[in-house]
C-alpha atoms as a PDB file:
ATOM      1  CA  MET A   1       0.000   0.000   0.000  1.00  0.00           C
ATOM      2  CA  ALA A   2       1.413   3.404  -0.969  1.00  0.00           C
ATOM      3  CA  SER A   3       1.720   6.139   1.616  1.00  0.00           C
ATOM      4  CA  GLU A   4       0.863   9.811   1.321  1.00  0.00           C
ATOM      5  CA  ARG A   5       4.454  10.652   0.323  1.00  0.00           C
ATOM      6  CA  GLY A   6       4.643   8.147  -2.514  1.00  0.00           C
ATOM      7  CA  HIS A   7       6.460   5.222  -0.917  1.00  0.00           C
ATOM      8  CA  ARG A   8       5.193   1.825   0.076  1.00  0.00           C
ATOM      9  CA  ASP A   9       4.918   1.332   3.812  1.00  0.00           C
ATOM     10  CA  ARG A  10       7.438  -1.295   4.923  1.00  0.00           C
ATOM     11  CA  GLY A  11       6.548  -1.284   8.596  1.00  0.00           C
ATOM     12  CA  LEU A  12       5.539  -4.948   8.580  1.00  0.00           C
ATOM     13  CA  ARG A  13       8.833  -5.943   6.965  1.00  0.00           C
ATOM     14  CA  LEU A  14      10.820  -3.900   9.480  1.00  0.00           C
ATOM     15  CA  ARG A  15       9.011  -5.460  12.418  1.00  0.00           C
ATOM     16  CA  LEU A  16       9.213  -9.017  11.019  1.00  0.00           C
ATOM     17  CA  PHE A  17      12.938  -8.880  10.300  1.00  0.00           C
ATOM     18  CA  GLY A  18      13.481  -7.069  13.569  1.00  0.00           C
ATOM     19  CA  VAL A  19      11.988  -9.988  15.494  1.00  0.00           C
ATOM     20  CA  LEU A  20      13.924 -12.534  13.409  1.00  0.00           C
ATOM     21  CA  THR A  21      17.191 -10.657  13.945  1.00  0.00           C
ATOM     22  CA  MET A  22      16.602 -10.473  17.681  1.00  0.00           C
ATOM     23  CA  LEU A  23      15.951 -14.214  17.749  1.00  0.00           C
ATOM     24  CA  ALA A  24      19.199 -14.768  15.830  1.00  0.00           C
ATOM     25  CA  GLY A  25      20.983 -12.626  18.419  1.00  0.00           C
ATOM     26  CA  ILE A  26      19.516 -14.616  21.285  1.00  0.00           C
ATOM     27  CA  GLY A  27      20.560 -17.795  19.473  1.00  0.00           C
ATOM     28  CA  SER A  28      24.099 -16.464  19.127  1.00  0.00           C
ATOM     29  CA  MET A  29      24.284 -15.737  22.852  1.00  0.00           C
ATOM     30  CA  LEU A  30      22.943 -19.209  23.663  1.00  0.00           C
ATOM     31  CA  LEU A  31      25.587 -20.649  21.356  1.00  0.00           C
ATOM     32  CA  GLY A  32      28.165 -18.694  23.315  1.00  0.00           C
ATOM     33  CA  LEU A  33      26.871 -20.145  26.572  1.00  0.00           C
ATOM     34  CA  SER A  34      27.007 -23.637  25.084  1.00  0.00           C
ATOM     35  CA  HIS A  35      30.805 -23.335  24.986  1.00  0.00           C
ATOM     36  CA  PHE A  36      30.811 -23.941  28.734  1.00  0.00           C
ATOM     37  CA  GLY A  37      29.574 -27.464  28.019  1.00  0.00           C
ATOM     38  CA  LEU A  38      32.262 -28.242  25.434  1.00  0.00           C
ATOM     39  CA  PRO A  39      34.693 -29.747  28.007  1.00  0.00           C
ATOM     40  CA  LEU A  40      32.128 -32.509  28.614  1.00  0.00           C
ATOM     41  CA  LEU A  41      32.000 -33.203  24.872  1.00  0.00           C
ATOM     42  CA  ALA A  42      35.785 -33.073  24.564  1.00  0.00           C
ATOM     43  CA  ALA A  43      36.122 -35.692  27.292  1.00  0.00           C
ATOM     44  CA  THR A  44      34.282 -38.201  25.085  1.00  0.00           C
ATOM     45  CA  ILE A  45      36.607 -37.722  22.062  1.00  0.00           C
ATOM     46  CA  PRO A  46      40.044 -39.373  22.178  1.00  0.00           C
ATOM     47  CA  ASP A  47      43.065 -37.026  21.901  1.00  0.00           C
ATOM     48  CA  PHE A  48      40.819 -33.951  21.762  1.00  0.00           C
ATOM     49  CA  ARG A  49      41.977 -30.939  23.764  1.00  0.00           C
ATOM     50  CA  LEU A  50      40.038 -27.824  24.652  1.00  0.00           C
ATOM     51  CA  SER A  51      41.621 -24.953  26.556  1.00  0.00           C
ATOM     52  CA  ALA A  52      39.976 -22.314  28.709  1.00  0.00           C
ATOM     53  CA  THR A  53      41.204 -19.724  26.206  1.00  0.00           C
ATOM     54  CA  GLN A  54      39.301 -21.387  23.375  1.00  0.00           C
ATOM     55  CA  ILE A  55      36.142 -21.412  25.477  1.00  0.00           C
ATOM     56  CA  ALA A  56      36.601 -17.741  26.413  1.00  0.00           C
ATOM     57  CA  ILE A  57      37.049 -16.728  22.758  1.00  0.00           C
ATOM     58  CA  GLY A  58      33.860 -18.535  21.768  1.00  0.00           C
ATOM     59  CA  VAL A  59      31.798 -17.096  24.627  1.00  0.00           C
ATOM     60  CA  ILE A  60      32.966 -13.493  24.114  1.00  0.00           C
ATOM     61  CA  THR A  61      32.685 -13.576  20.316  1.00  0.00           C
ATOM     62  CA  PHE A  62      29.194 -15.089  20.139  1.00  0.00           C
ATOM     63  CA  PHE A  63      27.953 -12.847  22.940  1.00  0.00           C
ATOM     64  CA  ALA A  64      29.270  -9.751  21.137  1.00  0.00           C
ATOM     65  CA  ILE A  65      27.602 -10.825  17.898  1.00  0.00           C
ATOM     66  CA  GLY A  66      24.396 -11.581  19.791  1.00  0.00           C
ATOM     67  CA  ILE A  67      24.305  -8.177  21.466  1.00  0.00           C
ATOM     68  CA  VAL A  68      24.761  -6.427  18.107  1.00  0.00           C
ATOM     69  CA  LEU A  69      22.011  -8.501  16.475  1.00  0.00           C
ATOM     70  CA  VAL A  70      19.568  -7.894  19.328  1.00  0.00           C
ATOM     71  CA  ALA A  71      20.282  -4.143  19.242  1.00  0.00           C
ATOM     72  CA  CYS A  72      19.836  -3.972  15.446  1.00  0.00           C
ATOM     73  CA  GLY A  73      16.708  -6.088  15.610  1.00  0.00           C
ATOM     74  CA  LEU A  74      15.241  -3.821  18.277  1.00  0.00           C
ATOM     75  CA  GLY A  75      16.021  -0.786  16.128  1.00  0.00           C
ATOM     76  CA  SER A  76      14.247  -2.394  13.175  1.00  0.00           C
ATOM     77  CA  LEU A  77      11.300  -3.398  15.359  1.00  0.00           C
ATOM     78  CA  ARG A  78      10.964   0.228  16.480  1.00  0.00           C
ATOM     79  CA  GLU A  79      11.507   1.424  12.872  1.00  0.00           C
ATOM     80  CA  ARG A  80      14.401   3.730  13.745  1.00  0.00           C
ATOM     81  CA  ARG A  81      16.182   5.686  11.024  1.00  0.00           C
ATOM     82  CA  TRP A  82      19.519   4.047  11.817  1.00  0.00           C
ATOM     83  CA  ALA A  83      18.047   0.545  11.493  1.00  0.00           C
ATOM     84  CA  ARG A  84      18.469   0.358   7.720  1.00  0.00           C
ATOM     85  CA  PRO A  85      22.224   1.154   7.528  1.00  0.00           C
ATOM     86  CA  ALA A  86      22.843  -0.960  10.623  1.00  0.00           C
ATOM     87  CA  MET A  87      21.026  -3.952   9.146  1.00  0.00           C
ATOM     88  CA  LEU A  88      22.746  -3.487   5.778  1.00  0.00           C
ATOM     89  CA  THR A  89      26.043  -3.583   7.668  1.00  0.00           C
ATOM     90  CA  VAL A  90      24.951  -6.794   9.367  1.00  0.00           C
ATOM     91  CA  GLY A  91      23.842  -8.262   6.039  1.00  0.00           C
ATOM     92  CA  TRP A  92      27.011  -7.436   4.094  1.00  0.00           C
ATOM     93  CA  SER A  93      29.331  -8.461   6.940  1.00  0.00           C
ATOM     94  CA  TRP A  94      27.401 -11.683   7.430  1.00  0.00           C
ATOM     95  CA  LEU A  95      27.481 -12.388   3.682  1.00  0.00           C
ATOM     96  CA  PHE A  96      31.250 -11.894   3.388  1.00  0.00           C
ATOM     97  CA  VAL A  97      31.853 -14.167   6.372  1.00  0.00           C
ATOM     98  CA  GLY A  98      29.336 -16.643   4.949  1.00  0.00           C
ATOM     99  CA  ILE A  99      31.029 -16.716   1.535  1.00  0.00           C
ATOM    100  CA  ALA A 100      34.389 -17.287   3.226  1.00  0.00           C
ATOM    101  CA  THR A 101      32.882 -20.034   5.389  1.00  0.00           C
ATOM    102  CA  VAL A 102      31.214 -21.804   2.469  1.00  0.00           C
ATOM    103  CA  GLY A 103      34.431 -21.558   0.457  1.00  0.00           C
ATOM    104  CA  PHE A 104      36.430 -22.959   3.360  1.00  0.00           C
ATOM    105  CA  VAL A 105      33.982 -25.822   3.884  1.00  0.00           C
ATOM    106  CA  LEU A 106      33.919 -26.719   0.176  1.00  0.00           C
ATOM    107  CA  THR A 107      37.695 -26.659  -0.237  1.00  0.00           C
ATOM    108  CA  ASN A 108      38.354 -28.468   3.052  1.00  0.00           C
ATOM    109  CA  LEU A 109      35.338 -30.768   3.115  1.00  0.00           C
ATOM    110  CA  GLU A 110      37.369 -33.963   3.330  1.00  0.00           C
ATOM    111  CA  ASP A 111      39.528 -32.576   6.158  1.00  0.00           C
ATOM    112  CA  LEU A 112      36.493 -31.426   8.112  1.00  0.00           C
ATOM    113  CA  THR A 113      34.810 -34.797   7.599  1.00  0.00           C
ATOM    114  CA  ILE A 114      37.898 -36.562   8.945  1.00  0.00           C
ATOM    115  CA  LEU A 115      38.007 -34.245  11.975  1.00  0.00           C
ATOM    116  CA  ALA A 116      34.299 -34.663  12.711  1.00  0.00           C
ATOM    117  CA  GLY A 117      34.530 -38.445  12.543  1.00  0.00           C
ATOM    118  CA  SER A 118      37.970 -38.894  14.067  1.00  0.00           C
ATOM    119  CA  GLY A 119      36.522 -40.204  17.325  1.00  0.00           C
ATOM    120  CA  MET A 120      34.463 -42.926  15.613  1.00  0.00           C
ATOM    121  CA  ALA A 121      35.940 -46.382  15.175  1.00  0.00           C
ATOM    122  CA  ASP A 122      35.294 -48.300  11.916  1.00  0.00           C
ATOM    123  CA  GLN A 123      33.236 -45.476  10.438  1.00  0.00           C
ATOM    124  CA  PRO A 124      30.850 -46.706   7.677  1.00  0.00           C
ATOM    125  CA  PRO A 125      30.659 -44.667   4.408  1.00  0.00           C
ATOM    126  CA  GLU A 126      27.133 -43.502   5.248  1.00  0.00           C
ATOM    127  CA  ILE A 127      28.442 -41.638   8.301  1.00  0.00           C
ATOM    128  CA  GLY A 128      30.910 -39.719   6.158  1.00  0.00           C
ATOM    129  CA  THR A 129      28.115 -38.726   3.765  1.00  0.00           C
ATOM    130  CA  LEU A 130      25.926 -37.611   6.667  1.00  0.00           C
ATOM    131  CA  ILE A 131      28.760 -35.525   8.123  1.00  0.00           C
ATOM    132  CA  ARG A 132      29.290 -33.805   4.757  1.00  0.00           C
ATOM    133  CA  TRP A 133      25.619 -32.825   4.538  1.00  0.00           C
ATOM    134  CA  ILE A 134      25.653 -31.624   8.152  1.00  0.00           C
ATOM    135  CA  LEU A 135      28.591 -29.391   7.258  1.00  0.00           C
ATOM    136  CA  LEU A 136      27.223 -28.117   3.939  1.00  0.00           C
ATOM    137  CA  LEU A 137      23.556 -27.372   4.680  1.00  0.00           C
ATOM    138  CA  PRO A 138      24.084 -25.011   7.653  1.00  0.00           C
ATOM    139  CA  SER A 139      26.971 -23.329   5.813  1.00  0.00           C
ATOM    140  CA  PHE A 140      24.763 -22.471   2.844  1.00  0.00           C
ATOM    141  CA  GLY A 141      21.664 -21.728   4.931  1.00  0.00           C
ATOM    142  CA  PHE A 142      23.192 -19.520   7.604  1.00  0.00           C
ATOM    143  CA  GLY A 143      26.127 -18.320   5.531  1.00  0.00           C
ATOM    144  CA  LEU A 144      24.349 -17.319   2.318  1.00  0.00           C
ATOM    145  CA  VAL A 145      20.548 -17.517   2.481  1.00  0.00           C
ATOM    146  CA  ALA A 146      20.150 -15.621   5.777  1.00  0.00           C
ATOM    147  CA  PRO A 147      22.332 -12.592   4.878  1.00  0.00           C
ATOM    148  CA  LEU A 148      20.897 -12.402   1.353  1.00  0.00           C
ATOM    149  CA  ALA A 149      17.416 -12.243   2.883  1.00  0.00           C
ATOM    150  CA  ILE A 150      18.530  -9.352   5.111  1.00  0.00           C
ATOM    151  CA  LEU A 151      20.053  -7.482   2.157  1.00  0.00           C
ATOM    152  CA  TRP A 152      16.892  -8.012   0.105  1.00  0.00           C
ATOM    153  CA  ALA A 153      14.726  -6.716   2.939  1.00  0.00           C
ATOM    154  CA  TYR A 154      16.703  -3.556   3.723  1.00  0.00           C
ATOM    155  CA  ALA A 155      18.088  -2.565   0.313  1.00  0.00           C
ATOM    156  CA  ASP A 156      14.598  -1.331  -0.590  1.00  0.00           C
ATOM    157  CA  ARG A 157      14.544   2.491  -0.469  1.00  0.00           C
ATOM    158  CA  ASP A 158      10.962   2.318   0.810  1.00  0.00           C
ATOM    159  CA  VAL A 159      12.371   0.915   4.061  1.00  0.00           C
ATOM    160  CA  LEU A 160      14.345   4.123   4.591  1.00  0.00           C
ATOM    161  CA  ALA A 161      11.326   6.236   3.636  1.00  0.00           C
ATOM    162  CA  THR A 162       9.171   4.334   6.137  1.00  0.00           C
ATOM    163  CA  CYS A 163      11.683   4.894   8.936  1.00  0.00           C
ATOM    164  CA  ARG A 164      11.887   8.603   8.123  1.00  0.00           C
ATOM    165  CA  MET A 165       8.112   8.848   8.101  1.00  0.00           C
ATOM    166  CA  ARG A 166       7.926   7.251  11.566  1.00  0.00           C
ATOM    167  CA  HIS A 167      10.781   9.390  12.943  1.00  0.00           C
ATOM    168  CA  PRO A 168      11.046  12.699  11.047  1.00  0.00           C
ATOM    169  CA  GLU A 169      13.867  14.097  13.206  1.00  0.00           C
ATOM    170  CA  PRO A 170      17.401  13.255  11.935  1.00  0.00           C
ATOM    171  CA  ASP A 171      19.539  11.002  14.129  1.00  0.00           C
ATOM    172  CA  TRP A 172      23.245  10.108  14.257  1.00  0.00           C
ATOM    173  CA  SER A 173      23.068   7.939  11.134  1.00  0.00           C
ATOM    174  CA  ASP A 174      22.144  10.969   9.018  1.00  0.00           C
ATOM    175  CA  ARG A 175      25.543  12.574   9.653  1.00  0.00           C
ATOM    176  CA  CYS A 176      27.201  10.209   7.169  1.00  0.00           C
ATOM    177  CA  PRO A 177      26.177   8.874   3.716  1.00  0.00           C
ATOM    178  CA  SER A 178      24.774   5.358   4.056  1.00  0.00           C
ATOM    179  CA  THR A 179      27.360   3.869   1.676  1.00  0.00           C
ATOM    180  CA  VAL A 180      30.147   5.165   3.929  1.00  0.00           C
ATOM    181  CA  LEU A 181      28.306   4.379   7.156  1.00  0.00           C
ATOM    182  CA  VAL A 182      27.997   0.683   6.263  1.00  0.00           C
ATOM    183  CA  LEU A 183      31.781   0.412   5.812  1.00  0.00           C
ATOM    184  CA  ALA A 184      32.487   2.444   8.955  1.00  0.00           C
ATOM    185  CA  LEU A 185      30.247   0.262  11.114  1.00  0.00           C
ATOM    186  CA  ALA A 186      31.688  -2.947   9.633  1.00  0.00           C
ATOM    187  CA  LEU A 187      35.281  -1.870  10.319  1.00  0.00           C
ATOM    188  CA  GLY A 188      34.449  -0.718  13.835  1.00  0.00           C
ATOM    189  CA  PHE A 189      32.770  -3.981  14.740  1.00  0.00           C
ATOM    190  CA  ALA A 190      35.565  -6.027  13.124  1.00  0.00           C
ATOM    191  CA  GLY A 191      38.008  -4.090  15.268  1.00  0.00           C
ATOM    192  CA  LEU A 192      36.091  -4.905  18.444  1.00  0.00           C
ATOM    193  CA  LEU A 193      35.878  -8.596  17.534  1.00  0.00           C
ATOM    194  CA  SER A 194      39.666  -8.749  17.199  1.00  0.00           C
ATOM    195  CA  PHE A 195      40.064  -8.272  20.966  1.00  0.00           C
ATOM    196  CA  PRO A 196      38.881 -11.781  21.968  1.00  0.00           C
ATOM    197  CA  LEU A 197      40.862 -13.247  19.059  1.00  0.00           C
ATOM    198  CA  ALA A 198      44.013 -11.766  20.589  1.00  0.00           C
ATOM    199  CA  LEU A 199      43.689 -14.339  23.383  1.00  0.00           C
ATOM    200  CA  ARG A 200      44.838 -17.044  20.959  1.00  0.00           C
ATOM    201  CA  PRO A 201      46.029 -15.388  17.761  1.00  0.00           C
ATOM    202  CA  VAL A 202      46.916 -16.960  14.429  1.00  0.00           C
ATOM    203  CA  VAL A 203      47.791 -14.053  12.116  1.00  0.00           C
ATOM    204  CA  PRO A 204      48.903 -14.432   8.465  1.00  0.00           C
ATOM    205  CA  TRP A 205      52.065 -12.326   8.471  1.00  0.00           C
ATOM    206  CA  PHE A 206      53.868 -11.918   5.130  1.00  0.00           C
ATOM    207  CA  GLY A 207      54.640 -15.556   4.463  1.00  0.00           C
ATOM    208  CA  GLY A 208      54.364 -16.936   8.005  1.00  0.00           C
ATOM    209  CA  LEU A 209      51.978 -17.268  10.914  1.00  0.00           C
ATOM    210  CA  SER A 210      52.325 -14.930  13.886  1.00  0.00           C
ATOM    211  CA  THR A 211      51.200 -16.544  17.138  1.00  0.00           C
ATOM    212  CA  GLY A 212      51.788 -16.112  20.871  1.00  0.00           C
ATOM    213  CA  PRO A 213      52.512 -12.658  22.376  1.00  0.00           C
ATOM    214  CA  GLY A 214      53.677 -11.284  19.028  1.00  0.00           C
ATOM    215  CA  GLY A 215      50.460 -12.344  17.353  1.00  0.00           C
ATOM    216  CA  SER A 216      48.436 -10.850  20.202  1.00  0.00           C
ATOM    217  CA  VAL A 217      50.163  -7.492  19.752  1.00  0.00           C
ATOM    218  CA  VAL A 218      49.502  -7.541  16.001  1.00  0.00           C
ATOM    219  CA  THR A 219      45.855  -8.522  16.523  1.00  0.00           C
ATOM    220  CA  LEU A 220      45.225  -5.852  19.164  1.00  0.00           C
ATOM    221  CA  ALA A 221      46.993  -3.164  17.134  1.00  0.00           C
ATOM    222  CA  THR A 222      44.971  -4.092  14.048  1.00  0.00           C
ATOM    223  CA  GLY A 223      41.753  -4.057  16.074  1.00  0.00           C
ATOM    224  CA  LEU A 224      42.434  -0.593  17.476  1.00  0.00           C
ATOM    225  CA  PHE A 225      43.351   0.632  14.001  1.00  0.00           C
ATOM    226  CA  PHE A 226      40.079  -0.702  12.575  1.00  0.00           C
ATOM    227  CA  VAL A 227      38.097   1.014  15.339  1.00  0.00           C
ATOM    228  CA  TRP A 228      39.852   4.288  14.484  1.00  0.00           C
ATOM    229  CA  LEU A 229      39.175   3.744  10.777  1.00  0.00           C
ATOM    230  CA  GLY A 230      35.476   3.218  11.491  1.00  0.00           C
ATOM    231  CA  TRP A 231      35.281   6.416  13.538  1.00  0.00           C
ATOM    232  CA  ALA A 232      37.287   8.464  11.032  1.00  0.00           C
ATOM    233  CA  LEU A 233      35.291   7.199   8.051  1.00  0.00           C
ATOM    234  CA  PHE A 234      32.093   8.151   9.875  1.00  0.00           C
ATOM    235  CA  ARG A 235      33.571  11.637  10.268  1.00  0.00           C
ATOM    236  CA  LEU A 236      34.398  11.591   6.520  1.00  0.00           C
ATOM    237  CA  LYS A 237      38.111  12.096   7.142  1.00  0.00           C
ATOM    238  CA  ARG A 238      40.024  11.958   3.886  1.00  0.00           C
ATOM    239  CA  ALA A 239      43.004  10.352   5.612  1.00  0.00           C
ATOM    240  CA  ALA A 240      40.763   7.459   6.692  1.00  0.00           C
ATOM    241  CA  TRP A 241      39.785   6.801   3.080  1.00  0.00           C
ATOM    242  CA  TRP A 242      43.434   6.565   2.049  1.00  0.00           C
ATOM    243  CA  ALA A 243      44.303   4.494   5.134  1.00  0.00           C
ATOM    244  CA  THR A 244      41.489   2.027   4.415  1.00  0.00           C
ATOM    245  CA  GLY A 245      42.702   1.516   0.854  1.00  0.00           C
ATOM    246  CA  ALA A 246      46.313   1.083   1.947  1.00  0.00           C
ATOM    247  CA  SER A 247      45.245  -1.372   4.662  1.00  0.00           C
ATOM    248  CA  ALA A 248      43.238  -3.440   2.164  1.00  0.00           C
ATOM    249  CA  LEU A 249      46.310  -3.715  -0.066  1.00  0.00           C
ATOM    250  CA  VAL A 250      48.705  -4.582   2.762  1.00  0.00           C
ATOM    251  CA  ILE A 251      46.361  -7.186   4.275  1.00  0.00           C
ATOM    252  CA  GLY A 252      45.641  -8.685   0.855  1.00  0.00           C
ATOM    253  CA  ILE A 253      49.362  -9.000   0.072  1.00  0.00           C
ATOM    254  CA  SER A 254      50.134 -10.453   3.504  1.00  0.00           C
ATOM    255  CA  VAL A 255      47.362 -13.061   3.367  1.00  0.00           C
ATOM    256  CA  THR A 256      48.123 -14.038  -0.253  1.00  0.00           C
ATOM    257  CA  TRP A 257      51.834 -14.371   0.488  1.00  0.00           C
ATOM    258  CA  THR A 258      51.123 -16.493   3.570  1.00  0.00           C
ATOM    259  CA  LEU A 259      48.670 -18.776   1.766  1.00  0.00           C
ATOM    260  CA  THR A 260      51.206 -19.485  -0.981  1.00  0.00           C
ATOM    261  CA  ARG A 261      54.120 -20.078   1.419  1.00  0.00           C
ATOM    262  CA  THR A 262      52.613 -22.124   4.259  1.00  0.00           C
ATOM    263  CA  GLU A 263      51.392 -25.700   4.267  1.00  0.00           C
ATOM    264  CA  ARG A 264      48.171 -26.622   5.989  1.00  0.00           C
ATOM    265  CA  ALA A 265      50.064 -28.525   8.709  1.00  0.00           C
ATOM    266  CA  ALA A 266      51.465 -25.191   9.915  1.00  0.00           C
ATOM    267  CA  TRP A 267      47.940 -23.819  10.311  1.00  0.00           C
ATOM    268  CA  TYR A 268      46.768 -26.883  12.224  1.00  0.00           C
ATOM    269  CA  ARG A 269      49.752 -26.726  14.570  1.00  0.00           C
ATOM    270  CA  ALA A 270      49.223 -23.008  15.119  1.00  0.00           C
ATOM    271  CA  LEU A 271      45.600 -23.761  16.004  1.00  0.00           C
ATOM    272  CA  ASP A 272      46.842 -26.407  18.479  1.00  0.00           C
ATOM    273  CA  TYR A 273      45.271 -29.430  16.812  1.00  0.00           C
ATOM    274  CA  PRO A 274      46.296 -32.758  18.394  1.00  0.00           C
ATOM    275  CA  GLN A 275      49.100 -34.459  16.456  1.00  0.00           C
ATOM    276  CA  LYS A 276      46.948 -37.549  15.887  1.00  0.00           C
ATOM    277  CA  GLN A 277      44.358 -35.486  14.035  1.00  0.00           C
ATOM    278  CA  ILE A 278      47.066 -33.653  12.065  1.00  0.00           C
ATOM    279  CA  ASP A 279      48.469 -37.005  10.923  1.00  0.00           C
ATOM    280  CA  LEU A 280      45.000 -38.072   9.753  1.00  0.00           C
ATOM    281  CA  LEU A 281      44.588 -34.841   7.809  1.00  0.00           C
ATOM    282  CA  LEU A 282      48.023 -35.011   6.188  1.00  0.00           C
ATOM    283  CA  ALA A 283      47.286 -38.516   4.934  1.00  0.00           C
ATOM    284  CA  SER A 284      44.852 -37.053   2.381  1.00  0.00           C
ATOM    285  CA  GLY A 285      47.556 -34.891   0.797  1.00  0.00           C
ATOM    286  CA  GLU A 286      48.058 -31.126   0.403  1.00  0.00           C
ATOM    287  CA  PRO A 287      44.964 -29.294  -0.910  1.00  0.00           C
ATOM    288  CA  PRO A 288      45.296 -26.730  -3.735  1.00  0.00           C
ATOM    289  CA  LYS A 289      46.160 -23.193  -2.657  1.00  0.00           C
ATOM    290  CA  TRP A 290      44.433 -21.345  -5.494  1.00  0.00           C
ATOM    291  CA  PRO A 291      40.916 -21.116  -3.948  1.00  0.00           C
ATOM    292  CA  GLY A 292      42.131 -19.166  -0.910  1.00  0.00           C
ATOM    293  CA  VAL A 293      44.502 -17.031  -2.968  1.00  0.00           C
ATOM    294  CA  THR A 294      41.832 -16.244  -5.554  1.00  0.00           C
ATOM    295  CA  ALA A 295      39.255 -15.365  -2.893  1.00  0.00           C
ATOM    296  CA  THR A 296      41.730 -13.037  -1.155  1.00  0.00           C
ATOM    297  CA  ILE A 297      42.605 -11.225  -4.387  1.00  0.00           C
ATOM    298  CA  VAL A 298      38.947 -10.866  -5.409  1.00  0.00           C
ATOM    299  CA  PHE A 299      37.940  -9.565  -1.971  1.00  0.00           C
ATOM    300  CA  THR A 300      40.805  -7.045  -1.999  1.00  0.00           C
ATOM    301  CA  LEU A 301      39.867  -5.787  -5.465  1.00  0.00           C
ATOM    302  CA  LEU A 302      36.184  -5.490  -4.513  1.00  0.00           C
ATOM    303  CA  THR A 303      37.154  -3.468  -1.446  1.00  0.00           C
ATOM    304  CA  LEU A 304      39.231  -1.089  -3.568  1.00  0.00           C
ATOM    305  CA  VAL A 305      36.424  -0.722  -6.123  1.00  0.00           C
ATOM    306  CA  TYR A 306      33.973   0.076  -3.320  1.00  0.00           C
ATOM    307  CA  LEU A 307      36.363   2.668  -1.911  1.00  0.00           C
ATOM    308  CA  VAL A 308      36.612   4.331  -5.321  1.00  0.00           C
ATOM    309  CA  SER A 309      32.799   4.434  -5.504  1.00  0.00           C
ATOM    310  CA  ILE A 310      32.535   6.368  -2.199  1.00  0.00           C
ATOM    311  CA  ARG A 311      35.529   8.646  -2.871  1.00  0.00           C
ATOM    312  CA  LYS A 312      33.210  11.574  -3.707  1.00  0.00           C
ATOM    313  CA  HIS A 313      32.119  11.862  -0.059  1.00  0.00           C
ATOM    314  CA  PHE A 314      35.636  12.662   1.213  1.00  0.00           C
ATOM    315  CA  HIS A 315      36.905  16.184   0.767  1.00  0.00           C
ATOM    316  CA  ALA A 316      40.379  17.644   1.195  1.00  0.00           C
ATOM    317  CA  SER A 317      39.212  20.029   3.920  1.00  0.00           C
ATOM    318  CA  ARG A 318      38.336  17.180   6.306  1.00  0.00           C
END
């Protein structure tokens, strides 16, 4: 139904996706709490280790994601002006992570199947097939379908018009163009998420993997830098635009270099996999490196293209 100002009222869509997003946030927090029960599961799997640090990372990360989703869902439920850019940020961030997850699962499906069934003796072929489907279906559903639904729902300009009709007074989100705001929010949240990851870092570092205290310093420094980039982009600082582009190039080069120079055994050891599981994984041979390298290059180029598209919003005087 069209409104008096010529747009279709999307209040029902805002409220529906607001509720669904809040439920996803609650689910994320429950998933974080479930990490406290992982030691009981680990005790049933031979040679499986689980440290307190791993549990802490899972709890903090899923709780942080849950809080953000609940807050964004509440904003959509109340049809706030900032709900659309916030939900677009959630959608795009979720989609990029989902694409990376699906790509990782597809290229490492055999390894993941071996890991999932490593505690089962004399595993029949049907179990391996079941494990593959259990890995693939949630990856596609939660990694691709869910974020695409969010982007479809909030990309509609009538959503923004509906929010502005409900709340005519400008709010903080109106201080920055939406195309810039989405990137600023994504970088800021990525920076905050790096803090729990610093508890047990594995950082691709120009051909090697930085772990331990050195990796923690790199992770924390990168997180703080991303938070600053998010704030400065929101303020439309020209230096932040240049810094974001330079960072995309440096990170892309570092990750690509590391992927081409390191074998998967180095990643598993850095992630503290038990040696028995590493031996099982190595028995299947070294997987091709081109999928990860190609994905990194494509993502870097897309980031640079996006930065060029928003260049007009950054002026020399800022």
